[in-house]
Amino acid sequence: MSVIVLHKSTNQRYILLGTGFGAYKAQRPSFLGGNLFPHEEADEIPVAAVCDTRGASV
């Protein structure tokens, strides 16, 4: 069974191919603390893959 997705801004319809979840974490040594107190940065990126009626991914 396919799932039809409606893009509200453009009123275009797409077919849902799948969903995913990306995450990353990066750290670098701090100026004063070195590796004891590193600067850490992390983020999560939810994504969905869709295609149009011709099968072209968007």
Protein backbone atom coordinates (compact mmCIF):
# COMPACT_ATOMS: atom_id res chain seq x y z
CA MET A 1 0.00 0.00 0.00
CA SER A 2 1.46 3.38 -0.95
CA VAL A 3 1.19 6.54 1.11
CA ILE A 4 0.39 9.81 -0.65
CA VAL A 5 1.99 12.93 0.85
CA LEU A 6 0.58 16.42 0.19
CA HIS A 7 3.05 19.32 0.27
CA LYS A 8 0.96 22.13 1.73
CA SER A 9 2.92 25.07 0.27
CA THR A 10 2.79 23.92 -3.37
CA ASN A 11 -0.24 21.60 -3.17
CA GLN A 12 1.84 18.90 -4.94
CA ARG A 13 1.29 15.21 -4.24
CA TYR A 14 4.16 12.80 -3.72
CA ILE A 15 4.56 9.11 -2.88
CA LEU A 16 6.34 8.35 0.39
CA LEU A 17 9.36 6.10 -0.21
CA GLY A 18 10.64 5.92 3.34
CA THR A 19 11.75 7.80 6.41
CA GLY A 20 15.06 8.05 8.15
CA PHE A 21 16.87 9.68 10.97
CA GLY A 22 20.34 11.17 10.84
CA ALA A 23 22.41 12.17 13.82
CA TYR A 24 25.89 13.43 14.36
CA LYS A 25 28.15 14.32 17.25
CA ALA A 26 31.41 16.20 16.98
CA GLN A 27 33.87 17.28 19.61
CA ARG A 28 37.09 19.21 19.62
CA PRO A 29 39.51 20.09 22.41
CA SER A 30 38.86 23.34 24.24
CA PHE A 31 41.45 26.08 24.46
CA LEU A 32 41.97 25.89 28.23
CA GLY A 33 40.75 22.42 29.19
CA GLY A 34 42.07 20.47 26.21
CA ASN A 35 40.54 16.99 26.06
CA LEU A 36 39.25 17.20 29.66
CA PHE A 37 36.58 19.77 28.76
CA PRO A 38 35.98 19.44 25.00
CA HIS A 39 33.52 21.49 22.96
CA GLU A 40 30.72 19.14 21.91
CA GLU A 41 28.16 19.66 19.19
CA ALA A 42 25.34 17.24 18.34
CA ASP A 43 22.19 17.38 16.24
CA GLU A 44 19.42 15.12 14.95
CA ILE A 45 17.95 15.38 11.46
CA PRO A 46 14.60 13.67 10.70
CA VAL A 47 14.09 13.15 6.94
CA ALA A 48 11.54 11.67 4.55
CA ALA A 49 12.19 10.47 1.00
CA VAL A 50 9.43 11.13 -1.54
CA CYS A 51 9.04 10.93 -5.33
CA ASP A 52 6.66 12.41 -7.88
CA THR A 53 4.38 10.50 -10.27
CA ARG A 54 7.26 9.94 -12.72
CA GLY A 55 9.43 8.36 -10.03
CA ALA A 56 11.85 11.27 -9.77
CA SER A 57 12.98 11.70 -6.18
CA VAL A 58 12.52 15.15 -4.71
